[in-house]
């Protein structure tokens, strides 16, 4: 849902989150469920808990909350994710764009987390940020120079042949 090409295409084509999810999300859920069932049948023998007493004691003593660094941050993140999905579903992309909603929720989570903003900025992957900026600048430049319109016109020549259009894209 949140891959950069999907966000660019959704925003440009004015596709709402609901429409995108109905077209792609439901199929993804079905494929995920099917894959889980196939893996369970294929690896049924490997998924059993070993009867070795040392391993069994270790598994019984394992507490998942030892891995969680901050319950407050975990619950804030979960609440933010739920709020983000609700806003994607309820607010049409023609009113507020999905990227603005996502950025607003990210800023809200940063504020609610109570973490030091300097530490957050230090951990940012600036190569990725610059890559994304570059992609947006290139896409904007191609759009302004009408290169995308020209490519669209070229693909329009093959309107009856969807396979050829897909191969060219």
Protein backbone atom coordinates (compact mmCIF):
# COMPACT_ATOMS: atom_id res chain seq x y z
CA UNK A 1 0.00 0.00 0.00
CA UNK A 2 2.72 2.45 0.89
CA UNK A 3 5.26 1.79 -1.83
CA UNK A 4 6.37 4.98 -3.54
CA UNK A 5 5.23 4.01 -7.07
CA UNK A 6 1.77 3.12 -5.74
CA UNK A 7 1.45 6.45 -3.92
CA UNK A 8 2.58 8.36 -7.03
CA UNK A 9 0.16 6.51 -9.28
CA UNK A 10 -2.75 6.82 -6.84
CA UNK A 11 -2.21 10.53 -6.33
CA UNK A 12 -1.76 11.29 -10.03
CA UNK A 13 -4.73 9.20 -11.14
CA UNK A 14 -6.95 10.49 -8.29
CA UNK A 15 -7.58 6.94 -7.08
CA UNK A 16 -8.98 6.80 -3.57
CA UNK A 17 -7.51 4.53 -0.93
CA UNK A 18 -10.75 2.54 -0.81
CA UNK A 19 -10.70 1.94 -4.56
CA UNK A 20 -7.04 0.95 -4.47
CA UNK A 21 -7.60 -1.40 -1.54
CA UNK A 22 -10.60 -3.06 -3.18
CA UNK A 23 -8.58 -3.63 -6.37
CA UNK A 24 -5.27 -4.71 -4.83
CA UNK A 25 -5.60 -5.15 -1.08
CA UNK A 26 -8.26 -7.85 -1.07
CA UNK A 27 -6.31 -9.89 -3.61
CA UNK A 28 -3.17 -9.51 -1.49
CA UNK A 29 -5.01 -10.79 1.58
CA UNK A 30 -6.32 -13.82 -0.34
CA UNK A 31 -2.85 -14.60 -1.71
CA UNK A 32 -1.34 -14.20 1.78
CA UNK A 33 -3.90 -16.58 3.30
CA UNK A 34 -3.36 -19.11 0.52
CA UNK A 35 0.43 -18.88 0.94
CA UNK A 36 0.14 -19.45 4.69
CA UNK A 37 -2.00 -22.55 4.13
CA UNK A 38 0.45 -23.92 1.54
CA UNK A 39 3.44 -23.32 3.83
CA UNK A 40 1.67 -24.97 6.77
CA UNK A 41 1.03 -28.09 4.68
CA UNK A 42 4.53 -28.12 3.17
CA UNK A 43 6.43 -27.53 6.42
CA UNK A 44 4.07 -29.16 8.93
CA UNK A 45 6.82 -31.42 10.30
CA UNK A 46 9.26 -28.53 10.73
CA UNK A 47 6.75 -26.39 12.66
CA UNK A 48 6.41 -28.74 15.65
CA UNK A 49 7.88 -27.74 18.99
CA UNK A 50 10.84 -29.96 19.85
CA UNK A 51 10.36 -32.09 22.94
CA UNK A 52 13.87 -31.39 24.25
CA UNK A 53 13.36 -30.24 27.85
CA UNK A 54 15.91 -27.41 27.63
CA UNK A 55 14.23 -25.91 24.58
CA UNK A 56 10.76 -26.45 26.02
CA UNK A 57 11.75 -24.69 29.27
CA UNK A 58 13.26 -21.84 27.28
CA UNK A 59 10.04 -21.43 25.27
CA UNK A 60 7.89 -21.52 28.41
CA UNK A 61 10.05 -18.87 30.09
CA UNK A 62 10.09 -16.61 27.02
CA UNK A 63 8.25 -13.34 27.57
CA UNK A 64 7.52 -11.28 24.48
CA UNK A 65 7.39 -8.07 26.53
CA UNK A 66 11.14 -8.38 27.11
CA UNK A 67 11.63 -7.49 23.45
CA UNK A 68 9.42 -4.38 23.57
CA UNK A 69 11.53 -1.37 24.55
CA UNK A 70 8.58 0.88 25.41
CA UNK A 71 4.95 -0.17 25.83
CA UNK A 72 3.88 3.46 25.51
CA UNK A 73 5.63 3.79 22.14
CA UNK A 74 4.19 0.46 20.99
CA UNK A 75 0.64 1.51 21.82
CA UNK A 76 1.17 4.99 20.34
CA UNK A 77 2.44 3.42 17.12
CA UNK A 78 -0.47 1.00 16.97
CA UNK A 79 -2.97 3.81 17.61
CA UNK A 80 -1.33 5.96 14.94
CA UNK A 81 -1.47 3.13 12.41
CA UNK A 82 -5.15 2.52 13.14
CA UNK A 83 -5.88 6.26 12.88
CA UNK A 84 -3.97 6.39 9.58
CA UNK A 85 -6.02 3.54 8.09
CA UNK A 86 -9.28 5.11 9.29
CA UNK A 87 -8.33 8.46 7.77
CA UNK A 88 -7.33 6.78 4.49
CA UNK A 89 -10.73 5.11 4.32
CA UNK A 90 -12.89 8.05 5.45
CA UNK A 91 -11.17 11.04 3.83
CA UNK A 92 -11.28 11.10 0.02
CA UNK A 93 -7.97 11.81 -1.70
CA UNK A 94 -9.63 14.73 -3.51
CA UNK A 95 -10.11 16.50 -0.14
CA UNK A 96 -6.77 15.70 1.54
CA UNK A 97 -4.05 13.80 -0.31
CA UNK A 98 -2.89 10.51 1.25
CA UNK A 99 0.72 11.69 1.46
CA UNK A 100 -0.34 14.68 3.59
CA UNK A 101 -2.37 12.40 5.88
CA UNK A 102 0.59 10.01 6.28
CA UNK A 103 3.05 12.83 6.97
CA UNK A 104 0.69 14.38 9.53
CA UNK A 105 0.31 11.07 11.37
CA UNK A 106 4.10 10.58 11.30
CA UNK A 107 4.61 14.03 12.84
CA UNK A 108 1.93 13.31 15.45
CA UNK A 109 3.60 10.01 16.36
CA UNK A 110 6.97 11.75 16.64
CA UNK A 111 5.47 14.23 19.08
CA UNK A 112 3.56 11.57 21.07
CA UNK A 113 6.54 9.22 21.28
CA UNK A 114 8.41 11.52 23.62
CA UNK A 115 11.67 10.48 22.00
CA UNK A 116 14.49 12.95 21.52
CA UNK A 117 14.05 14.53 18.10
CA UNK A 118 17.83 14.75 17.61
CA UNK A 119 18.13 10.97 18.01
CA UNK A 120 15.30 10.43 15.53
CA UNK A 121 16.97 12.67 12.95
CA UNK A 122 20.33 10.92 13.49
CA UNK A 123 18.70 7.57 12.65
CA UNK A 124 17.09 8.78 9.42
CA UNK A 125 18.37 7.17 6.25
CA UNK A 126 19.26 10.29 4.28
CA UNK A 127 20.23 8.27 1.21
CA UNK A 128 16.63 7.07 1.00
CA UNK A 129 15.27 10.57 1.60
CA UNK A 130 17.45 12.00 -1.17
CA UNK A 131 16.47 9.13 -3.47
CA UNK A 132 12.79 9.91 -2.91
CA UNK A 133 13.37 13.62 -3.48
CA UNK A 134 15.18 12.75 -6.70
CA UNK A 135 12.35 10.50 -7.89
CA UNK A 136 9.78 13.23 -7.26
CA UNK A 137 11.92 15.87 -8.99
CA UNK A 138 12.48 13.63 -12.02
CA UNK A 139 8.78 12.72 -12.21
CA UNK A 140 7.81 16.39 -11.92
CA UNK A 141 10.35 17.38 -14.58
CA UNK A 142 9.10 14.69 -16.96
CA UNK A 143 5.55 15.88 -16.42
CA UNK A 144 6.42 19.57 -16.99
CA UNK A 145 8.38 18.75 -20.14
CA UNK A 146 5.36 16.80 -21.45
CA UNK A 147 7.46 13.63 -21.80
CA UNK A 148 4.80 11.65 -19.96
CA UNK A 149 2.09 12.98 -22.29
CA UNK A 150 4.18 11.93 -25.30
CA UNK A 151 4.68 8.44 -23.85
CA UNK A 152 0.95 8.26 -23.18
CA UNK A 153 0.21 9.18 -26.78
CA UNK A 154 2.63 6.51 -28.00
CA UNK A 155 0.97 3.90 -25.81
CA UNK A 156 -2.41 5.08 -27.07
CA UNK A 157 -1.48 3.88 -30.54
CA UNK A 158 -1.59 0.31 -29.20
CA UNK A 159 -4.94 0.81 -27.45
CA UNK A 160 -6.41 -2.52 -28.52
CA UNK A 161 -3.36 -4.53 -27.46
CA UNK A 162 -3.11 -4.45 -23.65
CA UNK A 163 -0.28 -6.99 -23.58
CA UNK A 164 1.91 -4.84 -25.83
CA UNK A 165 1.13 -1.76 -23.75
CA UNK A 166 2.11 -3.63 -20.59
CA UNK A 167 5.36 -4.83 -22.16
CA UNK A 168 6.23 -1.30 -23.29
CA UNK A 169 5.53 0.14 -19.85
